Amino acid sequence: SEFLEVAAQFGMRFVLWDSKAPYR
């Protein structure tokens, strides 16, 4: 949620995962 401001400033597409969370 807090990174959305940075992402909007640079037109970013981003994904943020907990590194221990496995992919289903």
PDBML (XML) file of the C-alpha atoms, coordinates in Angstrom:
<?xml version="1.0" encoding="UTF-8" ?>
<PDBx:datablock datablockName="MODEL"
   xmlns:PDBx="http://pdbml.pdb.org/schema/pdbx-v50.xsd"
   xmlns:xsi="http://www.w3.org/2001/XMLSchema-instance"
   xsi:schemaLocation="http://pdbml.pdb.org/schema/pdbx-v50.xsd pdbx-v50.xsd">
   <PDBx:atom_siteCategory>
      <PDBx:atom_site id="1">
         <PDBx:B_iso_or_equiv>0.00</PDBx:B_iso_or_equiv>
         <PDBx:Cartn_x>0.000</PDBx:Cartn_x>
         <PDBx:Cartn_y>0.000</PDBx:Cartn_y>
         <PDBx:Cartn_z>0.000</PDBx:Cartn_z>
         <PDBx:auth_asym_id>A</PDBx:auth_asym_id>
         <PDBx:auth_atom_id>CA</PDBx:auth_atom_id>
         <PDBx:auth_comp_id>SER</PDBx:auth_comp_id>
         <PDBx:auth_seq_id>1</PDBx:auth_seq_id>
         <PDBx:group_PDB>ATOM</PDBx:group_PDB>
         <PDBx:label_alt_id xsi:nil="true" />
         <PDBx:label_asym_id>A</PDBx:label_asym_id>
         <PDBx:label_atom_id>CA</PDBx:label_atom_id>
         <PDBx:label_comp_id>SER</PDBx:label_comp_id>
         <PDBx:label_entity_id>1</PDBx:label_entity_id>
         <PDBx:label_seq_id>1</PDBx:label_seq_id>
         <PDBx:occupancy>1.00</PDBx:occupancy>
         <PDBx:pdbx_PDB_model_num>1</PDBx:pdbx_PDB_model_num>
         <PDBx:type_symbol>C</PDBx:type_symbol>
      </PDBx:atom_site>
      <PDBx:atom_site id="2">
         <PDBx:B_iso_or_equiv>0.00</PDBx:B_iso_or_equiv>
         <PDBx:Cartn_x>2.740</PDBx:Cartn_x>
         <PDBx:Cartn_y>2.454</PDBx:Cartn_y>
         <PDBx:Cartn_z>0.940</PDBx:Cartn_z>
         <PDBx:auth_asym_id>A</PDBx:auth_asym_id>
         <PDBx:auth_atom_id>CA</PDBx:auth_atom_id>
         <PDBx:auth_comp_id>GLU</PDBx:auth_comp_id>
         <PDBx:auth_seq_id>2</PDBx:auth_seq_id>
         <PDBx:group_PDB>ATOM</PDBx:group_PDB>
         <PDBx:label_alt_id xsi:nil="true" />
         <PDBx:label_asym_id>A</PDBx:label_asym_id>
         <PDBx:label_atom_id>CA</PDBx:label_atom_id>
         <PDBx:label_comp_id>GLU</PDBx:label_comp_id>
         <PDBx:label_entity_id>1</PDBx:label_entity_id>
         <PDBx:label_seq_id>2</PDBx:label_seq_id>
         <PDBx:occupancy>1.00</PDBx:occupancy>
         <PDBx:pdbx_PDB_model_num>1</PDBx:pdbx_PDB_model_num>
         <PDBx:type_symbol>C</PDBx:type_symbol>
      </PDBx:atom_site>
      <PDBx:atom_site id="3">
         <PDBx:B_iso_or_equiv>0.00</PDBx:B_iso_or_equiv>
         <PDBx:Cartn_x>4.794</PDBx:Cartn_x>
         <PDBx:Cartn_y>1.692</PDBx:Cartn_y>
         <PDBx:Cartn_z>-2.185</PDBx:Cartn_z>
         <PDBx:auth_asym_id>A</PDBx:auth_asym_id>
         <PDBx:auth_atom_id>CA</PDBx:auth_atom_id>
         <PDBx:auth_comp_id>PHE</PDBx:auth_comp_id>
         <PDBx:auth_seq_id>3</PDBx:auth_seq_id>
         <PDBx:group_PDB>ATOM</PDBx:group_PDB>
         <PDBx:label_alt_id xsi:nil="true" />
         <PDBx:label_asym_id>A</PDBx:label_asym_id>
         <PDBx:label_atom_id>CA</PDBx:label_atom_id>
         <PDBx:label_comp_id>PHE</PDBx:label_comp_id>
         <PDBx:label_entity_id>1</PDBx:label_entity_id>
         <PDBx:label_seq_id>3</PDBx:label_seq_id>
         <PDBx:occupancy>1.00</PDBx:occupancy>
         <PDBx:pdbx_PDB_model_num>1</PDBx:pdbx_PDB_model_num>
         <PDBx:type_symbol>C</PDBx:type_symbol>
      </PDBx:atom_site>
      <PDBx:atom_site id="4">
         <PDBx:B_iso_or_equiv>0.00</PDBx:B_iso_or_equiv>
         <PDBx:Cartn_x>1.919</PDBx:Cartn_x>
         <PDBx:Cartn_y>2.715</PDBx:Cartn_y>
         <PDBx:Cartn_z>-4.469</PDBx:Cartn_z>
         <PDBx:auth_asym_id>A</PDBx:auth_asym_id>
         <PDBx:auth_atom_id>CA</PDBx:auth_atom_id>
         <PDBx:auth_comp_id>LEU</PDBx:auth_comp_id>
         <PDBx:auth_seq_id>4</PDBx:auth_seq_id>
         <PDBx:group_PDB>ATOM</PDBx:group_PDB>
         <PDBx:label_alt_id xsi:nil="true" />
         <PDBx:label_asym_id>A</PDBx:label_asym_id>
         <PDBx:label_atom_id>CA</PDBx:label_atom_id>
         <PDBx:label_comp_id>LEU</PDBx:label_comp_id>
         <PDBx:label_entity_id>1</PDBx:label_entity_id>
         <PDBx:label_seq_id>4</PDBx:label_seq_id>
         <PDBx:occupancy>1.00</PDBx:occupancy>
         <PDBx:pdbx_PDB_model_num>1</PDBx:pdbx_PDB_model_num>
         <PDBx:type_symbol>C</PDBx:type_symbol>
      </PDBx:atom_site>
      <PDBx:atom_site id="5">
         <PDBx:B_iso_or_equiv>0.00</PDBx:B_iso_or_equiv>
         <PDBx:Cartn_x>3.012</PDBx:Cartn_x>
         <PDBx:Cartn_y>6.359</PDBx:Cartn_y>
         <PDBx:Cartn_z>-4.263</PDBx:Cartn_z>
         <PDBx:auth_asym_id>A</PDBx:auth_asym_id>
         <PDBx:auth_atom_id>CA</PDBx:auth_atom_id>
         <PDBx:auth_comp_id>GLU</PDBx:auth_comp_id>
         <PDBx:auth_seq_id>5</PDBx:auth_seq_id>
         <PDBx:group_PDB>ATOM</PDBx:group_PDB>
         <PDBx:label_alt_id xsi:nil="true" />
         <PDBx:label_asym_id>A</PDBx:label_asym_id>
         <PDBx:label_atom_id>CA</PDBx:label_atom_id>
         <PDBx:label_comp_id>GLU</PDBx:label_comp_id>
         <PDBx:label_entity_id>1</PDBx:label_entity_id>
         <PDBx:label_seq_id>5</PDBx:label_seq_id>
         <PDBx:occupancy>1.00</PDBx:occupancy>
         <PDBx:pdbx_PDB_model_num>1</PDBx:pdbx_PDB_model_num>
         <PDBx:type_symbol>C</PDBx:type_symbol>
      </PDBx:atom_site>
      <PDBx:atom_site id="6">
         <PDBx:B_iso_or_equiv>0.00</PDBx:B_iso_or_equiv>
         <PDBx:Cartn_x>6.532</PDBx:Cartn_x>
         <PDBx:Cartn_y>5.535</PDBx:Cartn_y>
         <PDBx:Cartn_z>-5.515</PDBx:Cartn_z>
         <PDBx:auth_asym_id>A</PDBx:auth_asym_id>
         <PDBx:auth_atom_id>CA</PDBx:auth_atom_id>
         <PDBx:auth_comp_id>VAL</PDBx:auth_comp_id>
         <PDBx:auth_seq_id>6</PDBx:auth_seq_id>
         <PDBx:group_PDB>ATOM</PDBx:group_PDB>
         <PDBx:label_alt_id xsi:nil="true" />
         <PDBx:label_asym_id>A</PDBx:label_asym_id>
         <PDBx:label_atom_id>CA</PDBx:label_atom_id>
         <PDBx:label_comp_id>VAL</PDBx:label_comp_id>
         <PDBx:label_entity_id>1</PDBx:label_entity_id>
         <PDBx:label_seq_id>6</PDBx:label_seq_id>
         <PDBx:occupancy>1.00</PDBx:occupancy>
         <PDBx:pdbx_PDB_model_num>1</PDBx:pdbx_PDB_model_num>
         <PDBx:type_symbol>C</PDBx:type_symbol>
      </PDBx:atom_site>
      <PDBx:atom_site id="7">
         <PDBx:B_iso_or_equiv>0.00</PDBx:B_iso_or_equiv>
         <PDBx:Cartn_x>5.099</PDBx:Cartn_x>
         <PDBx:Cartn_y>3.262</PDBx:Cartn_y>
         <PDBx:Cartn_z>-8.212</PDBx:Cartn_z>
         <PDBx:auth_asym_id>A</PDBx:auth_asym_id>
         <PDBx:auth_atom_id>CA</PDBx:auth_atom_id>
         <PDBx:auth_comp_id>ALA</PDBx:auth_comp_id>
         <PDBx:auth_seq_id>7</PDBx:auth_seq_id>
         <PDBx:group_PDB>ATOM</PDBx:group_PDB>
         <PDBx:label_alt_id xsi:nil="true" />
         <PDBx:label_asym_id>A</PDBx:label_asym_id>
         <PDBx:label_atom_id>CA</PDBx:label_atom_id>
         <PDBx:label_comp_id>ALA</PDBx:label_comp_id>
         <PDBx:label_entity_id>1</PDBx:label_entity_id>
         <PDBx:label_seq_id>7</PDBx:label_seq_id>
         <PDBx:occupancy>1.00</PDBx:occupancy>
         <PDBx:pdbx_PDB_model_num>1</PDBx:pdbx_PDB_model_num>
         <PDBx:type_symbol>C</PDBx:type_symbol>
      </PDBx:atom_site>
      <PDBx:atom_site id="8">
         <PDBx:B_iso_or_equiv>0.00</PDBx:B_iso_or_equiv>
         <PDBx:Cartn_x>2.780</PDBx:Cartn_x>
         <PDBx:Cartn_y>6.000</PDBx:Cartn_y>
         <PDBx:Cartn_z>-9.470</PDBx:Cartn_z>
         <PDBx:auth_asym_id>A</PDBx:auth_asym_id>
         <PDBx:auth_atom_id>CA</PDBx:auth_atom_id>
         <PDBx:auth_comp_id>ALA</PDBx:auth_comp_id>
         <PDBx:auth_seq_id>8</PDBx:auth_seq_id>
         <PDBx:group_PDB>ATOM</PDBx:group_PDB>
         <PDBx:label_alt_id xsi:nil="true" />
         <PDBx:label_asym_id>A</PDBx:label_asym_id>
         <PDBx:label_atom_id>CA</PDBx:label_atom_id>
         <PDBx:label_comp_id>ALA</PDBx:label_comp_id>
         <PDBx:label_entity_id>1</PDBx:label_entity_id>
         <PDBx:label_seq_id>8</PDBx:label_seq_id>
         <PDBx:occupancy>1.00</PDBx:occupancy>
         <PDBx:pdbx_PDB_model_num>1</PDBx:pdbx_PDB_model_num>
         <PDBx:type_symbol>C</PDBx:type_symbol>
      </PDBx:atom_site>
      <PDBx:atom_site id="9">
         <PDBx:B_iso_or_equiv>0.00</PDBx:B_iso_or_equiv>
         <PDBx:Cartn_x>5.643</PDBx:Cartn_x>
         <PDBx:Cartn_y>8.509</PDBx:Cartn_y>
         <PDBx:Cartn_z>-9.628</PDBx:Cartn_z>
         <PDBx:auth_asym_id>A</PDBx:auth_asym_id>
         <PDBx:auth_atom_id>CA</PDBx:auth_atom_id>
         <PDBx:auth_comp_id>GLN</PDBx:auth_comp_id>
         <PDBx:auth_seq_id>9</PDBx:auth_seq_id>
         <PDBx:group_PDB>ATOM</PDBx:group_PDB>
         <PDBx:label_alt_id xsi:nil="true" />
         <PDBx:label_asym_id>A</PDBx:label_asym_id>
         <PDBx:label_atom_id>CA</PDBx:label_atom_id>
         <PDBx:label_comp_id>GLN</PDBx:label_comp_id>
         <PDBx:label_entity_id>1</PDBx:label_entity_id>
         <PDBx:label_seq_id>9</PDBx:label_seq_id>
         <PDBx:occupancy>1.00</PDBx:occupancy>
         <PDBx:pdbx_PDB_model_num>1</PDBx:pdbx_PDB_model_num>
         <PDBx:type_symbol>C</PDBx:type_symbol>
      </PDBx:atom_site>
      <PDBx:atom_site id="10">
         <PDBx:B_iso_or_equiv>0.00</PDBx:B_iso_or_equiv>
         <PDBx:Cartn_x>7.646</PDBx:Cartn_x>
         <PDBx:Cartn_y>6.293</PDBx:Cartn_y>
         <PDBx:Cartn_z>-11.981</PDBx:Cartn_z>
         <PDBx:auth_asym_id>A</PDBx:auth_asym_id>
         <PDBx:auth_atom_id>CA</PDBx:auth_atom_id>
         <PDBx:auth_comp_id>PHE</PDBx:auth_comp_id>
         <PDBx:auth_seq_id>10</PDBx:auth_seq_id>
         <PDBx:group_PDB>ATOM</PDBx:group_PDB>
         <PDBx:label_alt_id xsi:nil="true" />
         <PDBx:label_asym_id>A</PDBx:label_asym_id>
         <PDBx:label_atom_id>CA</PDBx:label_atom_id>
         <PDBx:label_comp_id>PHE</PDBx:label_comp_id>
         <PDBx:label_entity_id>1</PDBx:label_entity_id>
         <PDBx:label_seq_id>10</PDBx:label_seq_id>
         <PDBx:occupancy>1.00</PDBx:occupancy>
         <PDBx:pdbx_PDB_model_num>1</PDBx:pdbx_PDB_model_num>
         <PDBx:type_symbol>C</PDBx:type_symbol>
      </PDBx:atom_site>
      <PDBx:atom_site id="11">
         <PDBx:B_iso_or_equiv>0.00</PDBx:B_iso_or_equiv>
         <PDBx:Cartn_x>4.818</PDBx:Cartn_x>
         <PDBx:Cartn_y>4.473</PDBx:Cartn_y>
         <PDBx:Cartn_z>-13.787</PDBx:Cartn_z>
         <PDBx:auth_asym_id>A</PDBx:auth_asym_id>
         <PDBx:auth_atom_id>CA</PDBx:auth_atom_id>
         <PDBx:auth_comp_id>GLY</PDBx:auth_comp_id>
         <PDBx:auth_seq_id>11</PDBx:auth_seq_id>
         <PDBx:group_PDB>ATOM</PDBx:group_PDB>
         <PDBx:label_alt_id xsi:nil="true" />
         <PDBx:label_asym_id>A</PDBx:label_asym_id>
         <PDBx:label_atom_id>CA</PDBx:label_atom_id>
         <PDBx:label_comp_id>GLY</PDBx:label_comp_id>
         <PDBx:label_entity_id>1</PDBx:label_entity_id>
         <PDBx:label_seq_id>11</PDBx:label_seq_id>
         <PDBx:occupancy>1.00</PDBx:occupancy>
         <PDBx:pdbx_PDB_model_num>1</PDBx:pdbx_PDB_model_num>
         <PDBx:type_symbol>C</PDBx:type_symbol>
      </PDBx:atom_site>
      <PDBx:atom_site id="12">
         <PDBx:B_iso_or_equiv>0.00</PDBx:B_iso_or_equiv>
         <PDBx:Cartn_x>5.885</PDBx:Cartn_x>
         <PDBx:Cartn_y>1.170</PDBx:Cartn_y>
         <PDBx:Cartn_z>-12.275</PDBx:Cartn_z>
         <PDBx:auth_asym_id>A</PDBx:auth_asym_id>
         <PDBx:auth_atom_id>CA</PDBx:auth_atom_id>
         <PDBx:auth_comp_id>MET</PDBx:auth_comp_id>
         <PDBx:auth_seq_id>12</PDBx:auth_seq_id>
         <PDBx:group_PDB>ATOM</PDBx:group_PDB>
         <PDBx:label_alt_id xsi:nil="true" />
         <PDBx:label_asym_id>A</PDBx:label_asym_id>
         <PDBx:label_atom_id>CA</PDBx:label_atom_id>
         <PDBx:label_comp_id>MET</PDBx:label_comp_id>
         <PDBx:label_entity_id>1</PDBx:label_entity_id>
         <PDBx:label_seq_id>12</PDBx:label_seq_id>
         <PDBx:occupancy>1.00</PDBx:occupancy>
         <PDBx:pdbx_PDB_model_num>1</PDBx:pdbx_PDB_model_num>
         <PDBx:type_symbol>C</PDBx:type_symbol>
      </PDBx:atom_site>
      <PDBx:atom_site id="13">
         <PDBx:B_iso_or_equiv>0.00</PDBx:B_iso_or_equiv>
         <PDBx:Cartn_x>4.324</PDBx:Cartn_x>
         <PDBx:Cartn_y>-2.244</PDBx:Cartn_y>
         <PDBx:Cartn_z>-12.455</PDBx:Cartn_z>
         <PDBx:auth_asym_id>A</PDBx:auth_asym_id>
         <PDBx:auth_atom_id>CA</PDBx:auth_atom_id>
         <PDBx:auth_comp_id>ARG</PDBx:auth_comp_id>
         <PDBx:auth_seq_id>13</PDBx:auth_seq_id>
         <PDBx:group_PDB>ATOM</PDBx:group_PDB>
         <PDBx:label_alt_id xsi:nil="true" />
         <PDBx:label_asym_id>A</PDBx:label_asym_id>
         <PDBx:label_atom_id>CA</PDBx:label_atom_id>
         <PDBx:label_comp_id>ARG</PDBx:label_comp_id>
         <PDBx:label_entity_id>1</PDBx:label_entity_id>
         <PDBx:label_seq_id>13</PDBx:label_seq_id>
         <PDBx:occupancy>1.00</PDBx:occupancy>
         <PDBx:pdbx_PDB_model_num>1</PDBx:pdbx_PDB_model_num>
         <PDBx:type_symbol>C</PDBx:type_symbol>
      </PDBx:atom_site>
      <PDBx:atom_site id="14">
         <PDBx:B_iso_or_equiv>0.00</PDBx:B_iso_or_equiv>
         <PDBx:Cartn_x>5.403</PDBx:Cartn_x>
         <PDBx:Cartn_y>-4.088</PDBx:Cartn_y>
         <PDBx:Cartn_z>-9.332</PDBx:Cartn_z>
         <PDBx:auth_asym_id>A</PDBx:auth_asym_id>
         <PDBx:auth_atom_id>CA</PDBx:auth_atom_id>
         <PDBx:auth_comp_id>PHE</PDBx:auth_comp_id>
         <PDBx:auth_seq_id>14</PDBx:auth_seq_id>
         <PDBx:group_PDB>ATOM</PDBx:group_PDB>
         <PDBx:label_alt_id xsi:nil="true" />
         <PDBx:label_asym_id>A</PDBx:label_asym_id>
         <PDBx:label_atom_id>CA</PDBx:label_atom_id>
         <PDBx:label_comp_id>PHE</PDBx:label_comp_id>
         <PDBx:label_entity_id>1</PDBx:label_entity_id>
         <PDBx:label_seq_id>14</PDBx:label_seq_id>
         <PDBx:occupancy>1.00</PDBx:occupancy>
         <PDBx:pdbx_PDB_model_num>1</PDBx:pdbx_PDB_model_num>
         <PDBx:type_symbol>C</PDBx:type_symbol>
      </PDBx:atom_site>
      <PDBx:atom_site id="15">
         <PDBx:B_iso_or_equiv>0.00</PDBx:B_iso_or_equiv>
         <PDBx:Cartn_x>4.842</PDBx:Cartn_x>
         <PDBx:Cartn_y>-7.271</PDBx:Cartn_y>
         <PDBx:Cartn_z>-7.359</PDBx:Cartn_z>
         <PDBx:auth_asym_id>A</PDBx:auth_asym_id>
         <PDBx:auth_atom_id>CA</PDBx:auth_atom_id>
         <PDBx:auth_comp_id>VAL</PDBx:auth_comp_id>
         <PDBx:auth_seq_id>15</PDBx:auth_seq_id>
         <PDBx:group_PDB>ATOM</PDBx:group_PDB>
         <PDBx:label_alt_id xsi:nil="true" />
         <PDBx:label_asym_id>A</PDBx:label_asym_id>
         <PDBx:label_atom_id>CA</PDBx:label_atom_id>
         <PDBx:label_comp_id>VAL</PDBx:label_comp_id>
         <PDBx:label_entity_id>1</PDBx:label_entity_id>
         <PDBx:label_seq_id>15</PDBx:label_seq_id>
         <PDBx:occupancy>1.00</PDBx:occupancy>
         <PDBx:pdbx_PDB_model_num>1</PDBx:pdbx_PDB_model_num>
         <PDBx:type_symbol>C</PDBx:type_symbol>
      </PDBx:atom_site>
      <PDBx:atom_site id="16">
         <PDBx:B_iso_or_equiv>0.00</PDBx:B_iso_or_equiv>
         <PDBx:Cartn_x>5.774</PDBx:Cartn_x>
         <PDBx:Cartn_y>-7.645</PDBx:Cartn_y>
         <PDBx:Cartn_z>-3.707</PDBx:Cartn_z>
         <PDBx:auth_asym_id>A</PDBx:auth_asym_id>
         <PDBx:auth_atom_id>CA</PDBx:auth_atom_id>
         <PDBx:auth_comp_id>LEU</PDBx:auth_comp_id>
         <PDBx:auth_seq_id>16</PDBx:auth_seq_id>
         <PDBx:group_PDB>ATOM</PDBx:group_PDB>
         <PDBx:label_alt_id xsi:nil="true" />
         <PDBx:label_asym_id>A</PDBx:label_asym_id>
         <PDBx:label_atom_id>CA</PDBx:label_atom_id>
         <PDBx:label_comp_id>LEU</PDBx:label_comp_id>
         <PDBx:label_entity_id>1</PDBx:label_entity_id>
         <PDBx:label_seq_id>16</PDBx:label_seq_id>
         <PDBx:occupancy>1.00</PDBx:occupancy>
         <PDBx:pdbx_PDB_model_num>1</PDBx:pdbx_PDB_model_num>
         <PDBx:type_symbol>C</PDBx:type_symbol>
      </PDBx:atom_site>
      <PDBx:atom_site id="17">
         <PDBx:B_iso_or_equiv>0.00</PDBx:B_iso_or_equiv>
         <PDBx:Cartn_x>5.779</PDBx:Cartn_x>
         <PDBx:Cartn_y>-11.103</PDBx:Cartn_y>
         <PDBx:Cartn_z>-2.129</PDBx:Cartn_z>
         <PDBx:auth_asym_id>A</PDBx:auth_asym_id>
         <PDBx:auth_atom_id>CA</PDBx:auth_atom_id>
         <PDBx:auth_comp_id>TRP</PDBx:auth_comp_id>
         <PDBx:auth_seq_id>17</PDBx:auth_seq_id>
         <PDBx:group_PDB>ATOM</PDBx:group_PDB>
         <PDBx:label_alt_id xsi:nil="true" />
         <PDBx:label_asym_id>A</PDBx:label_asym_id>
         <PDBx:label_atom_id>CA</PDBx:label_atom_id>
         <PDBx:label_comp_id>TRP</PDBx:label_comp_id>
         <PDBx:label_entity_id>1</PDBx:label_entity_id>
         <PDBx:label_seq_id>17</PDBx:label_seq_id>
         <PDBx:occupancy>1.00</PDBx:occupancy>
         <PDBx:pdbx_PDB_model_num>1</PDBx:pdbx_PDB_model_num>
         <PDBx:type_symbol>C</PDBx:type_symbol>
      </PDBx:atom_site>
      <PDBx:atom_site id="18">
         <PDBx:B_iso_or_equiv>0.00</PDBx:B_iso_or_equiv>
         <PDBx:Cartn_x>6.652</PDBx:Cartn_x>
         <PDBx:Cartn_y>-12.515</PDBx:Cartn_y>
         <PDBx:Cartn_z>1.253</PDBx:Cartn_z>
         <PDBx:auth_asym_id>A</PDBx:auth_asym_id>
         <PDBx:auth_atom_id>CA</PDBx:auth_atom_id>
         <PDBx:auth_comp_id>ASP</PDBx:auth_comp_id>
         <PDBx:auth_seq_id>18</PDBx:auth_seq_id>
         <PDBx:group_PDB>ATOM</PDBx:group_PDB>
         <PDBx:label_alt_id xsi:nil="true" />
         <PDBx:label_asym_id>A</PDBx:label_asym_id>
         <PDBx:label_atom_id>CA</PDBx:label_atom_id>
         <PDBx:label_comp_id>ASP</PDBx:label_comp_id>
         <PDBx:label_entity_id>1</PDBx:label_entity_id>
         <PDBx:label_seq_id>18</PDBx:label_seq_id>
         <PDBx:occupancy>1.00</PDBx:occupancy>
         <PDBx:pdbx_PDB_model_num>1</PDBx:pdbx_PDB_model_num>
         <PDBx:type_symbol>C</PDBx:type_symbol>
      </PDBx:atom_site>
      <PDBx:atom_site id="19">
         <PDBx:B_iso_or_equiv>0.00</PDBx:B_iso_or_equiv>
         <PDBx:Cartn_x>9.767</PDBx:Cartn_x>
         <PDBx:Cartn_y>-14.493</PDBx:Cartn_y>
         <PDBx:Cartn_z>0.304</PDBx:Cartn_z>
         <PDBx:auth_asym_id>A</PDBx:auth_asym_id>
         <PDBx:auth_atom_id>CA</PDBx:auth_atom_id>
         <PDBx:auth_comp_id>SER</PDBx:auth_comp_id>
         <PDBx:auth_seq_id>19</PDBx:auth_seq_id>
         <PDBx:group_PDB>ATOM</PDBx:group_PDB>
         <PDBx:label_alt_id xsi:nil="true" />
         <PDBx:label_asym_id>A</PDBx:label_asym_id>
         <PDBx:label_atom_id>CA</PDBx:label_atom_id>
         <PDBx:label_comp_id>SER</PDBx:label_comp_id>
         <PDBx:label_entity_id>1</PDBx:label_entity_id>
         <PDBx:label_seq_id>19</PDBx:label_seq_id>
         <PDBx:occupancy>1.00</PDBx:occupancy>
         <PDBx:pdbx_PDB_model_num>1</PDBx:pdbx_PDB_model_num>
         <PDBx:type_symbol>C</PDBx:type_symbol>
      </PDBx:atom_site>
      <PDBx:atom_site id="20">
         <PDBx:B_iso_or_equiv>0.00</PDBx:B_iso_or_equiv>
         <PDBx:Cartn_x>8.533</PDBx:Cartn_x>
         <PDBx:Cartn_y>-17.506</PDBx:Cartn_y>
         <PDBx:Cartn_z>2.319</PDBx:Cartn_z>
         <PDBx:auth_asym_id>A</PDBx:auth_asym_id>
         <PDBx:auth_atom_id>CA</PDBx:auth_atom_id>
         <PDBx:auth_comp_id>LYS</PDBx:auth_comp_id>
         <PDBx:auth_seq_id>20</PDBx:auth_seq_id>
         <PDBx:group_PDB>ATOM</PDBx:group_PDB>
         <PDBx:label_alt_id xsi:nil="true" />
         <PDBx:label_asym_id>A</PDBx:label_asym_id>
         <PDBx:label_atom_id>CA</PDBx:label_atom_id>
         <PDBx:label_comp_id>LYS</PDBx:label_comp_id>
         <PDBx:label_entity_id>1</PDBx:label_entity_id>
         <PDBx:label_seq_id>20</PDBx:label_seq_id>
         <PDBx:occupancy>1.00</PDBx:occupancy>
         <PDBx:pdbx_PDB_model_num>1</PDBx:pdbx_PDB_model_num>
         <PDBx:type_symbol>C</PDBx:type_symbol>
      </PDBx:atom_site>
      <PDBx:atom_site id="21">
         <PDBx:B_iso_or_equiv>0.00</PDBx:B_iso_or_equiv>
         <PDBx:Cartn_x>5.146</PDBx:Cartn_x>
         <PDBx:Cartn_y>-17.626</PDBx:Cartn_y>
         <PDBx:Cartn_z>0.612</PDBx:Cartn_z>
         <PDBx:auth_asym_id>A</PDBx:auth_asym_id>
         <PDBx:auth_atom_id>CA</PDBx:auth_atom_id>
         <PDBx:auth_comp_id>ALA</PDBx:auth_comp_id>
         <PDBx:auth_seq_id>21</PDBx:auth_seq_id>
         <PDBx:group_PDB>ATOM</PDBx:group_PDB>
         <PDBx:label_alt_id xsi:nil="true" />
         <PDBx:label_asym_id>A</PDBx:label_asym_id>
         <PDBx:label_atom_id>CA</PDBx:label_atom_id>
         <PDBx:label_comp_id>ALA</PDBx:label_comp_id>
         <PDBx:label_entity_id>1</PDBx:label_entity_id>
         <PDBx:label_seq_id>21</PDBx:label_seq_id>
         <PDBx:occupancy>1.00</PDBx:occupancy>
         <PDBx:pdbx_PDB_model_num>1</PDBx:pdbx_PDB_model_num>
         <PDBx:type_symbol>C</PDBx:type_symbol>
      </PDBx:atom_site>
      <PDBx:atom_site id="22">
         <PDBx:B_iso_or_equiv>0.00</PDBx:B_iso_or_equiv>
         <PDBx:Cartn_x>5.036</PDBx:Cartn_x>
         <PDBx:Cartn_y>-20.551</PDBx:Cartn_y>
         <PDBx:Cartn_z>-1.856</PDBx:Cartn_z>
         <PDBx:auth_asym_id>A</PDBx:auth_asym_id>
         <PDBx:auth_atom_id>CA</PDBx:auth_atom_id>
         <PDBx:auth_comp_id>PRO</PDBx:auth_comp_id>
         <PDBx:auth_seq_id>22</PDBx:auth_seq_id>
         <PDBx:group_PDB>ATOM</PDBx:group_PDB>
         <PDBx:label_alt_id xsi:nil="true" />
         <PDBx:label_asym_id>A</PDBx:label_asym_id>
         <PDBx:label_atom_id>CA</PDBx:label_atom_id>
         <PDBx:label_comp_id>PRO</PDBx:label_comp_id>
         <PDBx:label_entity_id>1</PDBx:label_entity_id>
         <PDBx:label_seq_id>22</PDBx:label_seq_id>
         <PDBx:occupancy>1.00</PDBx:occupancy>
         <PDBx:pdbx_PDB_model_num>1</PDBx:pdbx_PDB_model_num>
         <PDBx:type_symbol>C</PDBx:type_symbol>
      </PDBx:atom_site>
      <PDBx:atom_site id="23">
         <PDBx:B_iso_or_equiv>0.00</PDBx:B_iso_or_equiv>
         <PDBx:Cartn_x>3.426</PDBx:Cartn_x>
         <PDBx:Cartn_y>-20.259</PDBx:Cartn_y>
         <PDBx:Cartn_z>-5.289</PDBx:Cartn_z>
         <PDBx:auth_asym_id>A</PDBx:auth_asym_id>
         <PDBx:auth_atom_id>CA</PDBx:auth_atom_id>
         <PDBx:auth_comp_id>TYR</PDBx:auth_comp_id>
         <PDBx:auth_seq_id>23</PDBx:auth_seq_id>
         <PDBx:group_PDB>ATOM</PDBx:group_PDB>
         <PDBx:label_alt_id xsi:nil="true" />
         <PDBx:label_asym_id>A</PDBx:label_asym_id>
         <PDBx:label_atom_id>CA</PDBx:label_atom_id>
         <PDBx:label_comp_id>TYR</PDBx:label_comp_id>
         <PDBx:label_entity_id>1</PDBx:label_entity_id>
         <PDBx:label_seq_id>23</PDBx:label_seq_id>
         <PDBx:occupancy>1.00</PDBx:occupancy>
         <PDBx:pdbx_PDB_model_num>1</PDBx:pdbx_PDB_model_num>
         <PDBx:type_symbol>C</PDBx:type_symbol>
      </PDBx:atom_site>
      <PDBx:atom_site id="24">
         <PDBx:B_iso_or_equiv>0.00</PDBx:B_iso_or_equiv>
         <PDBx:Cartn_x>0.204</PDBx:Cartn_x>
         <PDBx:Cartn_y>-22.202</PDBx:Cartn_y>
         <PDBx:Cartn_z>-5.565</PDBx:Cartn_z>
         <PDBx:auth_asym_id>A</PDBx:auth_asym_id>
         <PDBx:auth_atom_id>CA</PDBx:auth_atom_id>
         <PDBx:auth_comp_id>ARG</PDBx:auth_comp_id>
         <PDBx:auth_seq_id>24</PDBx:auth_seq_id>
         <PDBx:group_PDB>ATOM</PDBx:group_PDB>
         <PDBx:label_alt_id xsi:nil="true" />
         <PDBx:label_asym_id>A</PDBx:label_asym_id>
         <PDBx:label_atom_id>CA</PDBx:label_atom_id>
         <PDBx:label_comp_id>ARG</PDBx:label_comp_id>
         <PDBx:label_entity_id>1</PDBx:label_entity_id>
         <PDBx:label_seq_id>24</PDBx:label_seq_id>
         <PDBx:occupancy>1.00</PDBx:occupancy>
         <PDBx:pdbx_PDB_model_num>1</PDBx:pdbx_PDB_model_num>
         <PDBx:type_symbol>C</PDBx:type_symbol>
      </PDBx:atom_site>
   </PDBx:atom_siteCategory>
</PDBx:datablock>
